[in-house]
N, C-alpha and C. Protein backbone atom coordinates (compact mmCIF):
# COMPACT_ATOMS: atom_id res chain seq x y z
N GLN A 1 106.58 28.90 47.27
CA GLN A 1 106.25 30.32 47.31
C GLN A 1 104.75 30.52 47.13
N VAL A 2 104.26 31.51 47.81
CA VAL A 2 102.85 31.89 47.71
C VAL A 2 102.80 33.34 47.25
N GLN A 3 102.02 33.60 46.24
CA GLN A 3 101.83 34.97 45.78
C GLN A 3 100.44 35.43 46.23
N LEU A 4 100.40 36.64 46.77
CA LEU A 4 99.15 37.21 47.27
C LEU A 4 98.89 38.54 46.58
N VAL A 5 97.68 38.74 46.16
CA VAL A 5 97.30 39.99 45.50
C VAL A 5 96.02 40.52 46.12
N GLU A 6 96.13 41.72 46.71
CA GLU A 6 94.95 42.35 47.30
C GLU A 6 94.25 43.24 46.28
N SER A 7 92.97 43.42 46.47
CA SER A 7 92.21 44.35 45.65
C SER A 7 91.00 44.82 46.44
N GLY A 8 90.36 45.87 45.95
CA GLY A 8 89.12 46.34 46.55
C GLY A 8 89.23 47.60 47.38
N GLY A 9 90.43 48.12 47.53
CA GLY A 9 90.57 49.34 48.31
C GLY A 9 89.99 50.54 47.57
N GLY A 10 89.91 51.65 48.28
CA GLY A 10 89.39 52.86 47.66
C GLY A 10 89.07 53.91 48.69
N LEU A 11 88.34 54.91 48.24
CA LEU A 11 87.92 56.03 49.09
C LEU A 11 86.45 55.86 49.43
N VAL A 12 86.14 55.97 50.71
CA VAL A 12 84.76 55.82 51.16
C VAL A 12 84.50 56.81 52.29
N GLN A 13 83.27 57.23 52.43
CA GLN A 13 82.91 58.12 53.52
C GLN A 13 82.75 57.34 54.82
N ALA A 14 82.94 58.02 55.91
CA ALA A 14 82.74 57.39 57.21
C ALA A 14 81.33 56.80 57.30
N GLY A 15 81.26 55.61 57.85
CA GLY A 15 79.98 54.89 57.93
C GLY A 15 79.74 53.96 56.76
N GLY A 16 80.55 54.08 55.73
CA GLY A 16 80.40 53.26 54.55
C GLY A 16 81.06 51.90 54.69
N SER A 17 81.06 51.17 53.57
CA SER A 17 81.58 49.81 53.55
C SER A 17 82.51 49.61 52.36
N LEU A 18 83.43 48.67 52.53
CA LEU A 18 84.30 48.21 51.46
C LEU A 18 84.53 46.72 51.66
N ARG A 19 84.79 46.02 50.58
CA ARG A 19 85.20 44.63 50.68
C ARG A 19 86.53 44.45 49.96
N LEU A 20 87.50 43.98 50.72
CA LEU A 20 88.81 43.69 50.16
C LEU A 20 88.89 42.21 49.82
N SER A 21 89.67 41.92 48.80
CA SER A 21 89.93 40.54 48.41
C SER A 21 91.42 40.28 48.42
N CYS A 22 91.78 39.04 48.71
CA CYS A 22 93.18 38.62 48.68
C CYS A 22 93.22 37.29 47.95
N ALA A 23 93.75 37.31 46.74
CA ALA A 23 93.82 36.10 45.92
C ALA A 23 95.21 35.49 46.05
N ALA A 24 95.23 34.20 46.34
CA ALA A 24 96.49 33.49 46.52
C ALA A 24 96.75 32.58 45.32
N SER A 25 98.03 32.45 44.98
CA SER A 25 98.43 31.53 43.93
C SER A 25 99.78 30.93 44.30
N GLY A 26 100.18 29.93 43.56
CA GLY A 26 101.43 29.27 43.86
C GLY A 26 101.21 28.12 44.83
N ARG A 27 102.16 27.93 45.73
CA ARG A 27 102.11 26.82 46.67
C ARG A 27 101.24 27.21 47.86
N THR A 28 99.94 27.28 47.64
CA THR A 28 99.03 27.78 48.66
C THR A 28 98.98 26.90 49.90
N SER A 29 99.41 25.65 49.79
CA SER A 29 99.42 24.78 50.97
C SER A 29 100.42 25.27 52.01
N SER A 30 101.33 26.16 51.60
CA SER A 30 102.29 26.73 52.54
C SER A 30 101.71 27.87 53.35
N GLY A 31 100.49 28.25 53.04
CA GLY A 31 99.89 29.39 53.74
C GLY A 31 98.52 29.07 54.26
N ASP A 32 98.43 28.09 55.17
CA ASP A 32 97.14 27.68 55.70
C ASP A 32 96.52 28.71 56.63
N PHE A 33 97.34 29.59 57.17
CA PHE A 33 96.84 30.65 58.04
C PHE A 33 96.99 31.97 57.30
N THR A 34 95.90 32.68 57.18
CA THR A 34 95.93 33.94 56.44
C THR A 34 95.39 35.05 57.32
N GLY A 35 95.94 36.21 57.12
CA GLY A 35 95.56 37.33 57.96
C GLY A 35 95.53 38.65 57.21
N TRP A 36 94.93 39.61 57.85
CA TRP A 36 94.90 40.98 57.36
C TRP A 36 95.61 41.89 58.36
N PHE A 37 96.41 42.78 57.83
CA PHE A 37 97.07 43.81 58.61
C PHE A 37 96.83 45.14 57.92
N ARG A 38 97.05 46.21 58.64
CA ARG A 38 96.95 47.54 58.04
C ARG A 38 98.04 48.42 58.61
N GLN A 39 98.37 49.43 57.83
CA GLN A 39 99.43 50.35 58.25
C GLN A 39 99.08 51.76 57.80
N ALA A 40 98.98 52.64 58.76
CA ALA A 40 98.75 54.06 58.49
C ALA A 40 100.11 54.75 58.39
N PRO A 41 100.19 55.89 57.72
CA PRO A 41 101.46 56.61 57.60
C PRO A 41 102.07 56.90 58.96
N GLY A 42 103.33 56.56 59.10
CA GLY A 42 104.03 56.83 60.35
C GLY A 42 103.71 55.88 61.48
N GLU A 43 102.89 54.88 61.20
CA GLU A 43 102.50 53.93 62.23
C GLU A 43 103.06 52.55 61.92
N GLU A 44 103.07 51.70 62.94
CA GLU A 44 103.48 50.32 62.73
C GLU A 44 102.35 49.52 62.09
N ARG A 45 102.75 48.42 61.47
CA ARG A 45 101.74 47.55 60.87
C ARG A 45 100.90 46.93 61.98
N GLU A 46 99.59 46.99 61.81
CA GLU A 46 98.65 46.61 62.86
C GLU A 46 97.83 45.39 62.45
N PHE A 47 97.70 44.46 63.37
CA PHE A 47 96.88 43.27 63.13
C PHE A 47 95.41 43.65 63.02
N VAL A 48 94.74 43.08 62.01
CA VAL A 48 93.31 43.30 61.85
C VAL A 48 92.54 42.01 62.16
N GLY A 49 92.97 40.91 61.57
CA GLY A 49 92.30 39.64 61.83
C GLY A 49 93.00 38.52 61.08
N CYS A 50 92.66 37.29 61.46
CA CYS A 50 93.25 36.15 60.77
C CYS A 50 92.30 34.96 60.84
N VAL A 51 92.54 34.01 59.98
CA VAL A 51 91.68 32.84 59.89
C VAL A 51 92.48 31.66 59.36
N TRP A 52 92.08 30.47 59.77
CA TRP A 52 92.67 29.24 59.27
C TRP A 52 91.86 28.79 58.07
N ARG A 53 92.53 28.47 56.98
CA ARG A 53 91.83 28.18 55.75
C ARG A 53 90.95 26.95 55.84
N HIS A 54 91.18 26.08 56.83
CA HIS A 54 90.41 24.84 56.89
C HIS A 54 89.22 24.92 57.84
N GLY A 55 88.93 26.10 58.36
CA GLY A 55 87.74 26.24 59.20
C GLY A 55 88.02 26.96 60.49
N GLY A 56 87.01 27.01 61.35
CA GLY A 56 87.14 27.70 62.62
C GLY A 56 86.79 29.17 62.48
N SER A 57 86.63 29.82 63.59
CA SER A 57 86.23 31.23 63.60
C SER A 57 87.45 32.12 63.43
N PRO A 58 87.29 33.20 62.71
CA PRO A 58 88.39 34.16 62.60
C PRO A 58 88.66 34.83 63.94
N LEU A 59 89.85 35.35 64.08
CA LEU A 59 90.24 36.15 65.23
C LEU A 59 90.35 37.59 64.76
N TYR A 60 89.80 38.51 65.56
CA TYR A 60 89.80 39.92 65.17
C TYR A 60 90.48 40.78 66.23
N ALA A 61 91.04 41.87 65.77
CA ALA A 61 91.52 42.89 66.69
C ALA A 61 90.31 43.56 67.35
N ASP A 62 90.50 44.02 68.56
CA ASP A 62 89.41 44.68 69.29
C ASP A 62 88.87 45.88 68.51
N SER A 63 89.74 46.56 67.81
CA SER A 63 89.35 47.80 67.13
C SER A 63 88.40 47.57 65.95
N VAL A 64 88.33 46.32 65.46
CA VAL A 64 87.49 46.06 64.29
C VAL A 64 86.40 45.02 64.55
N ARG A 65 86.48 44.37 65.71
CA ARG A 65 85.50 43.31 65.99
C ARG A 65 84.10 43.88 65.98
N GLY A 66 83.19 43.18 65.30
CA GLY A 66 81.81 43.63 65.17
C GLY A 66 81.56 44.49 63.95
N ARG A 67 82.62 44.98 63.34
CA ARG A 67 82.49 45.81 62.12
C ARG A 67 83.09 45.12 60.90
N PHE A 68 84.14 44.37 61.10
CA PHE A 68 84.84 43.70 60.00
C PHE A 68 84.57 42.20 60.07
N THR A 69 84.51 41.59 58.90
CA THR A 69 84.29 40.15 58.81
C THR A 69 85.25 39.54 57.81
N ILE A 70 85.96 38.51 58.23
CA ILE A 70 86.87 37.78 57.35
C ILE A 70 86.16 36.51 56.89
N SER A 71 86.28 36.24 55.61
CA SER A 71 85.74 35.00 55.07
C SER A 71 86.70 34.46 54.03
N ARG A 72 86.47 33.22 53.66
CA ARG A 72 87.34 32.58 52.69
C ARG A 72 86.50 31.81 51.67
N ASP A 73 87.01 31.76 50.44
CA ASP A 73 86.47 30.87 49.41
C ASP A 73 87.65 30.02 48.96
N ASN A 74 87.79 28.85 49.56
CA ASN A 74 88.95 28.02 49.28
C ASN A 74 88.98 27.52 47.85
N ALA A 75 87.83 27.38 47.22
CA ALA A 75 87.79 26.96 45.83
C ALA A 75 88.47 27.99 44.93
N LYS A 76 88.43 29.24 45.36
CA LYS A 76 89.05 30.32 44.59
C LYS A 76 90.37 30.77 45.21
N ASN A 77 90.77 30.10 46.30
CA ASN A 77 92.00 30.52 47.01
C ASN A 77 91.97 32.01 47.31
N THR A 78 90.84 32.46 47.78
CA THR A 78 90.66 33.88 48.02
C THR A 78 90.12 34.13 49.43
N MET A 79 90.66 35.14 50.08
CA MET A 79 90.19 35.58 51.39
C MET A 79 89.60 36.97 51.23
N TYR A 80 88.57 37.25 52.01
CA TYR A 80 87.88 38.53 51.92
C TYR A 80 87.90 39.24 53.27
N LEU A 81 87.83 40.55 53.21
CA LEU A 81 87.65 41.35 54.41
C LEU A 81 86.51 42.32 54.14
N GLN A 82 85.36 42.02 54.72
CA GLN A 82 84.22 42.91 54.61
C GLN A 82 84.30 43.93 55.72
N MET A 83 84.35 45.19 55.36
CA MET A 83 84.52 46.27 56.33
C MET A 83 83.27 47.15 56.31
N ASN A 84 82.59 47.18 57.43
CA ASN A 84 81.38 47.99 57.57
C ASN A 84 81.59 49.07 58.63
N SER A 85 80.73 50.05 58.62
CA SER A 85 80.79 51.15 59.60
C SER A 85 82.20 51.71 59.69
N LEU A 86 82.77 52.01 58.56
CA LEU A 86 84.16 52.45 58.51
C LEU A 86 84.33 53.81 59.18
N LYS A 87 85.48 53.97 59.79
CA LYS A 87 85.85 55.20 60.49
C LYS A 87 87.11 55.77 59.86
N PRO A 88 87.34 57.05 60.00
CA PRO A 88 88.58 57.62 59.45
C PRO A 88 89.84 56.93 59.98
N GLU A 89 89.80 56.47 61.22
CA GLU A 89 90.98 55.79 61.78
C GLU A 89 91.20 54.40 61.19
N ASP A 90 90.29 53.94 60.34
CA ASP A 90 90.51 52.68 59.63
C ASP A 90 91.34 52.88 58.37
N SER A 91 91.65 54.11 58.04
CA SER A 91 92.42 54.40 56.83
C SER A 91 93.83 53.83 56.93
N GLY A 92 94.35 53.42 55.79
CA GLY A 92 95.71 52.88 55.75
C GLY A 92 95.86 51.94 54.57
N VAL A 93 97.05 51.39 54.46
CA VAL A 93 97.29 50.35 53.46
C VAL A 93 96.98 49.01 54.13
N TYR A 94 96.14 48.25 53.48
CA TYR A 94 95.74 46.94 54.00
C TYR A 94 96.51 45.85 53.27
N TYR A 95 97.11 44.98 54.05
CA TYR A 95 97.91 43.89 53.52
C TYR A 95 97.30 42.55 53.92
N CYS A 96 97.34 41.61 53.01
CA CYS A 96 97.03 40.25 53.43
C CYS A 96 98.34 39.48 53.54
N ALA A 97 98.31 38.47 54.38
CA ALA A 97 99.50 37.69 54.66
C ALA A 97 99.13 36.22 54.81
N ALA A 98 100.11 35.37 54.57
CA ALA A 98 99.89 33.93 54.72
C ALA A 98 101.09 33.31 55.42
N GLY A 99 100.81 32.32 56.23
CA GLY A 99 101.88 31.65 56.95
C GLY A 99 101.46 30.28 57.41
N ASP A 100 102.32 29.68 58.22
CA ASP A 100 102.07 28.31 58.65
C ASP A 100 101.68 28.20 60.10
N LYS A 101 101.31 29.33 60.72
CA LYS A 101 100.81 29.26 62.09
C LYS A 101 99.85 30.41 62.33
N PHE A 102 99.01 30.21 63.34
CA PHE A 102 98.04 31.23 63.73
C PHE A 102 98.79 32.32 64.48
N ALA A 103 98.76 33.54 63.95
CA ALA A 103 99.59 34.58 64.55
C ALA A 103 98.96 35.94 64.39
N ILE A 104 99.26 36.83 65.33
CA ILE A 104 98.78 38.21 65.24
C ILE A 104 99.93 39.18 65.05
N THR A 105 101.13 38.66 64.93
CA THR A 105 102.31 39.49 64.71
C THR A 105 102.74 39.37 63.25
N TRP A 106 102.95 40.51 62.61
CA TRP A 106 103.20 40.46 61.17
C TRP A 106 104.46 39.68 60.82
N SER A 107 105.43 39.71 61.69
CA SER A 107 106.69 39.03 61.38
C SER A 107 106.57 37.50 61.42
N ASP A 108 105.44 36.99 61.94
CA ASP A 108 105.23 35.54 61.96
C ASP A 108 104.67 35.01 60.66
N TYR A 109 104.34 35.90 59.74
CA TYR A 109 103.82 35.47 58.45
C TYR A 109 104.95 35.42 57.42
N ASN A 110 104.82 34.48 56.50
CA ASN A 110 105.89 34.23 55.54
C ASN A 110 105.69 34.95 54.21
N TYR A 111 104.45 35.23 53.87
CA TYR A 111 104.16 35.80 52.57
C TYR A 111 103.23 37.00 52.71
N TRP A 112 103.46 37.99 51.84
CA TRP A 112 102.72 39.24 51.91
C TRP A 112 102.28 39.68 50.52
N GLY A 113 101.12 40.34 50.48
CA GLY A 113 100.71 41.01 49.26
C GLY A 113 101.31 42.40 49.19
N GLN A 114 100.99 43.11 48.12
CA GLN A 114 101.58 44.43 47.90
C GLN A 114 100.80 45.53 48.62
N GLY A 115 99.59 45.19 49.09
CA GLY A 115 98.79 46.15 49.83
C GLY A 115 97.80 46.89 48.95
N THR A 116 96.72 47.32 49.56
CA THR A 116 95.71 48.12 48.88
C THR A 116 95.29 49.26 49.80
N GLN A 117 95.19 50.45 49.24
CA GLN A 117 94.92 51.65 50.04
C GLN A 117 93.43 51.77 50.36
N VAL A 118 93.15 52.02 51.62
CA VAL A 118 91.79 52.32 52.07
C VAL A 118 91.82 53.70 52.70
N THR A 119 90.97 54.58 52.22
CA THR A 119 90.88 55.92 52.78
C THR A 119 89.43 56.19 53.16
N VAL A 120 89.24 56.53 54.43
CA VAL A 120 87.90 56.82 54.94
C VAL A 120 87.84 58.30 55.28
N SER A 121 86.98 59.02 54.59
CA SER A 121 86.86 60.45 54.82
C SER A 121 85.79 60.73 55.87
N SER A 122 86.02 61.80 56.62
CA SER A 122 85.08 62.15 57.70
C SER A 122 83.96 63.04 57.20
């Protein structure tokens, strides 16, 4: 089992920045692929980006590419999502996920955090 805990959400004005963290514990070797998803009220969970813990470039959704950056600190078993130039449409609950394959579909991930709320005001 892998436990994931997100933090760093909050309220920010449009154009601002936030950095989310996702700390993993437990059998972290079961979650070599980690990703970020978000979900707005009444909407489906949406892929934001993902990365392989052992290297390589992250993959981003078109809607966030160039504004969001995923990074990892494997020594801390932590993944980050740096969000810049935030827009109101970026609002939602942000979830981190871990699994055993590179995927952009939420159902392909095995483990999920509880989510952290991001609200971008206009």
